Amino acid sequence: MPLRRFLEKGAAFDPADLEVMTAAFSMALQKLELNVRDDPMVEQVDRNIIRAAMHGERDPDTLCQAALDALDEGRKAS
């Protein structure tokens, strides 16, 4: 699962959390129409979902939207 390779040391999620995060990741990739797993944007989506989950979010739709919103914020800032 792609999410595991981006987890920071000390970050621990139970299997149910990882399942929700994976669902959010899949939704975000579908919305962005990303199919290539080594695309840098895929890594950023992963990191954004993990960041939101580390702040306590567990709803897959909200995690997905948080990841997409963070991408938009990054684009606006550059």
N, C-alpha and C. Protein backbone atom coordinates (compact mmCIF):
# COMPACT_ATOMS: atom_id res chain seq x y z
N MET A 1 0.85 -1.17 0.00
CA MET A 1 0.00 0.00 0.00
C MET A 1 0.89 1.24 0.00
N PRO A 2 0.66 2.18 -0.89
CA PRO A 2 1.51 3.36 -1.01
C PRO A 2 1.60 4.20 0.27
N LEU A 3 0.55 4.28 1.04
CA LEU A 3 0.56 5.14 2.21
C LEU A 3 1.65 4.76 3.20
N ARG A 4 1.93 3.51 3.35
CA ARG A 4 2.88 3.06 4.36
C ARG A 4 4.28 3.63 4.15
N ARG A 5 4.69 3.81 2.91
CA ARG A 5 6.05 4.29 2.69
C ARG A 5 6.22 5.76 3.04
N PHE A 6 5.14 6.49 3.23
CA PHE A 6 5.23 7.91 3.57
C PHE A 6 4.91 8.20 5.04
N LEU A 7 4.62 7.16 5.80
CA LEU A 7 4.32 7.38 7.21
C LEU A 7 5.60 7.80 7.94
N GLU A 8 5.48 8.81 8.75
CA GLU A 8 6.61 9.29 9.53
C GLU A 8 6.88 8.33 10.68
N LYS A 9 8.13 8.33 11.13
CA LYS A 9 8.47 7.51 12.30
C LYS A 9 7.59 7.95 13.46
N GLY A 10 7.09 6.98 14.17
CA GLY A 10 6.25 7.27 15.32
C GLY A 10 4.77 7.40 14.98
N ALA A 11 4.45 7.50 13.69
CA ALA A 11 3.04 7.58 13.30
C ALA A 11 2.47 6.17 13.30
N ALA A 12 1.41 5.98 14.02
CA ALA A 12 0.80 4.66 14.11
C ALA A 12 -0.69 4.77 13.80
N PHE A 13 -1.14 3.95 12.90
CA PHE A 13 -2.54 3.89 12.55
C PHE A 13 -2.97 2.43 12.64
N ASP A 14 -4.16 2.21 13.14
CA ASP A 14 -4.65 0.83 13.20
C ASP A 14 -5.16 0.42 11.82
N PRO A 15 -5.43 -0.86 11.63
CA PRO A 15 -5.87 -1.34 10.31
C PRO A 15 -7.11 -0.62 9.79
N ALA A 16 -8.05 -0.29 10.66
CA ALA A 16 -9.26 0.42 10.22
C ALA A 16 -8.90 1.81 9.71
N ASP A 17 -7.98 2.49 10.39
CA ASP A 17 -7.53 3.81 9.94
C ASP A 17 -6.88 3.72 8.56
N LEU A 18 -6.01 2.73 8.39
CA LEU A 18 -5.32 2.56 7.11
C LEU A 18 -6.31 2.25 5.98
N GLU A 19 -7.36 1.51 6.31
CA GLU A 19 -8.38 1.20 5.31
C GLU A 19 -9.10 2.48 4.86
N VAL A 20 -9.44 3.33 5.81
CA VAL A 20 -10.11 4.60 5.51
C VAL A 20 -9.17 5.50 4.70
N MET A 21 -7.92 5.56 5.10
CA MET A 21 -6.93 6.38 4.40
C MET A 21 -6.72 5.88 2.97
N THR A 22 -6.70 4.58 2.79
CA THR A 22 -6.54 4.00 1.45
C THR A 22 -7.74 4.33 0.57
N ALA A 23 -8.93 4.28 1.15
CA ALA A 23 -10.14 4.62 0.39
C ALA A 23 -10.08 6.10 -0.04
N ALA A 24 -9.65 6.97 0.87
CA ALA A 24 -9.53 8.39 0.55
C ALA A 24 -8.49 8.61 -0.55
N PHE A 25 -7.39 7.90 -0.46
CA PHE A 25 -6.33 7.98 -1.46
C PHE A 25 -6.86 7.58 -2.83
N SER A 26 -7.58 6.48 -2.90
CA SER A 26 -8.14 6.00 -4.16
C SER A 26 -9.13 7.01 -4.74
N MET A 27 -9.98 7.57 -3.88
CA MET A 27 -10.94 8.58 -4.33
C MET A 27 -10.24 9.79 -4.91
N ALA A 28 -9.21 10.25 -4.21
CA ALA A 28 -8.47 11.44 -4.68
C ALA A 28 -7.81 11.17 -6.03
N LEU A 29 -7.21 10.01 -6.19
CA LEU A 29 -6.57 9.69 -7.47
C LEU A 29 -7.59 9.63 -8.59
N GLN A 30 -8.77 9.09 -8.31
CA GLN A 30 -9.83 9.05 -9.32
C GLN A 30 -10.26 10.46 -9.71
N LYS A 31 -10.45 11.31 -8.72
CA LYS A 31 -10.89 12.68 -9.00
C LYS A 31 -9.84 13.45 -9.79
N LEU A 32 -8.57 13.17 -9.53
CA LEU A 32 -7.48 13.84 -10.24
C LEU A 32 -7.11 13.14 -11.55
N GLU A 33 -7.75 12.00 -11.78
CA GLU A 33 -7.48 11.17 -12.96
C GLU A 33 -6.00 10.81 -13.06
N LEU A 34 -5.44 10.40 -11.92
CA LEU A 34 -4.04 9.99 -11.86
C LEU A 34 -3.97 8.46 -11.87
N ASN A 35 -3.23 7.94 -12.81
CA ASN A 35 -3.06 6.49 -12.91
C ASN A 35 -1.62 6.06 -12.70
N VAL A 36 -0.69 6.98 -12.87
CA VAL A 36 0.73 6.65 -12.77
C VAL A 36 1.17 6.84 -11.32
N ARG A 37 1.51 5.74 -10.67
CA ARG A 37 1.81 5.79 -9.24
C ARG A 37 3.11 6.53 -8.91
N ASP A 38 4.01 6.68 -9.89
CA ASP A 38 5.25 7.40 -9.58
C ASP A 38 5.16 8.89 -9.93
N ASP A 39 3.97 9.37 -10.23
CA ASP A 39 3.74 10.79 -10.47
C ASP A 39 3.95 11.52 -9.13
N PRO A 40 4.71 12.62 -9.13
CA PRO A 40 4.95 13.35 -7.88
C PRO A 40 3.66 13.81 -7.19
N MET A 41 2.61 14.04 -7.95
CA MET A 41 1.36 14.47 -7.35
C MET A 41 0.75 13.34 -6.51
N VAL A 42 0.98 12.10 -6.90
CA VAL A 42 0.48 10.97 -6.13
C VAL A 42 1.12 10.97 -4.74
N GLU A 43 2.42 11.24 -4.70
CA GLU A 43 3.11 11.31 -3.42
C GLU A 43 2.54 12.44 -2.56
N GLN A 44 2.24 13.56 -3.17
CA GLN A 44 1.70 14.69 -2.43
C GLN A 44 0.30 14.37 -1.89
N VAL A 45 -0.51 13.68 -2.67
CA VAL A 45 -1.83 13.25 -2.20
C VAL A 45 -1.66 12.36 -0.97
N ASP A 46 -0.74 11.40 -1.06
CA ASP A 46 -0.45 10.51 0.07
C ASP A 46 -0.11 11.31 1.32
N ARG A 47 0.83 12.21 1.17
CA ARG A 47 1.29 13.00 2.32
C ARG A 47 0.17 13.87 2.90
N ASN A 48 -0.67 14.42 2.04
CA ASN A 48 -1.78 15.25 2.52
C ASN A 48 -2.79 14.43 3.30
N ILE A 49 -3.08 13.23 2.84
CA ILE A 49 -4.02 12.36 3.55
C ILE A 49 -3.45 11.96 4.90
N ILE A 50 -2.18 11.59 4.92
CA ILE A 50 -1.55 11.22 6.18
C ILE A 50 -1.57 12.39 7.16
N ARG A 51 -1.26 13.57 6.67
CA ARG A 51 -1.25 14.77 7.53
C ARG A 51 -2.64 14.98 8.15
N ALA A 52 -3.68 14.89 7.34
CA ALA A 52 -5.04 15.09 7.86
C ALA A 52 -5.41 13.99 8.85
N ALA A 53 -5.00 12.76 8.56
CA ALA A 53 -5.29 11.65 9.48
C ALA A 53 -4.53 11.81 10.79
N MET A 54 -3.32 12.36 10.73
CA MET A 54 -2.56 12.58 11.95
C MET A 54 -3.21 13.64 12.83
N HIS A 55 -4.05 14.48 12.22
CA HIS A 55 -4.79 15.48 12.99
C HIS A 55 -6.14 14.94 13.45
N GLY A 56 -6.38 13.65 13.24
CA GLY A 56 -7.56 13.00 13.80
C GLY A 56 -8.70 12.73 12.85
N GLU A 57 -8.58 13.16 11.60
CA GLU A 57 -9.68 12.94 10.65
C GLU A 57 -9.75 11.46 10.28
N ARG A 58 -10.97 10.91 10.24
CA ARG A 58 -11.14 9.49 9.89
C ARG A 58 -12.24 9.26 8.85
N ASP A 59 -12.85 10.30 8.36
CA ASP A 59 -13.87 10.15 7.33
C ASP A 59 -13.18 10.14 5.96
N PRO A 60 -13.39 9.11 5.14
CA PRO A 60 -12.68 9.04 3.86
C PRO A 60 -12.99 10.19 2.92
N ASP A 61 -14.25 10.64 2.90
CA ASP A 61 -14.61 11.77 2.03
C ASP A 61 -13.90 13.05 2.48
N THR A 62 -13.85 13.26 3.78
CA THR A 62 -13.19 14.45 4.31
C THR A 62 -11.68 14.38 4.10
N LEU A 63 -11.10 13.20 4.28
CA LEU A 63 -9.66 13.03 4.02
C LEU A 63 -9.34 13.31 2.56
N CYS A 64 -10.15 12.79 1.67
CA CYS A 64 -9.97 13.02 0.24
C CYS A 64 -10.03 14.50 -0.07
N GLN A 65 -11.06 15.17 0.45
CA GLN A 65 -11.22 16.60 0.18
C GLN A 65 -10.08 17.41 0.78
N ALA A 66 -9.61 17.02 1.95
CA ALA A 66 -8.48 17.71 2.57
C ALA A 66 -7.24 17.60 1.70
N ALA A 67 -7.02 16.42 1.13
CA ALA A 67 -5.86 16.22 0.26
C ALA A 67 -5.97 17.08 -0.99
N LEU A 68 -7.16 17.14 -1.58
CA LEU A 68 -7.36 17.95 -2.78
C LEU A 68 -7.25 19.44 -2.47
N ASP A 69 -7.79 19.86 -1.33
CA ASP A 69 -7.70 21.27 -0.93
C ASP A 69 -6.25 21.67 -0.71
N ALA A 70 -5.47 20.79 -0.09
CA ALA A 70 -4.05 21.10 0.14
C ALA A 70 -3.30 21.24 -1.18
N LEU A 71 -3.65 20.42 -2.16
CA LEU A 71 -3.03 20.56 -3.49
C LEU A 71 -3.37 21.91 -4.09
N ASP A 72 -4.63 22.31 -3.99
CA ASP A 72 -5.06 23.61 -4.52
C ASP A 72 -4.33 24.75 -3.82
N GLU A 73 -4.20 24.66 -2.52
CA GLU A 73 -3.49 25.70 -1.76
C GLU A 73 -2.04 25.80 -2.22
N GLY A 74 -1.43 24.63 -2.46
CA GLY A 74 -0.04 24.61 -2.93
C GLY A 74 0.11 25.25 -4.30
N ARG A 75 -0.86 25.03 -5.15
CA ARG A 75 -0.82 25.62 -6.50
C ARG A 75 -0.98 27.14 -6.44
N LYS A 76 -1.87 27.59 -5.55
CA LYS A 76 -2.11 29.02 -5.41
C LYS A 76 -0.89 29.75 -4.84
N ALA A 77 -0.17 29.06 -3.97
CA ALA A 77 0.99 29.65 -3.32
C ALA A 77 2.19 29.77 -4.27
N SER A 78 2.21 28.96 -5.31
CA SER A 78 3.37 29.01 -6.20
C SER A 78 3.16 29.88 -7.41
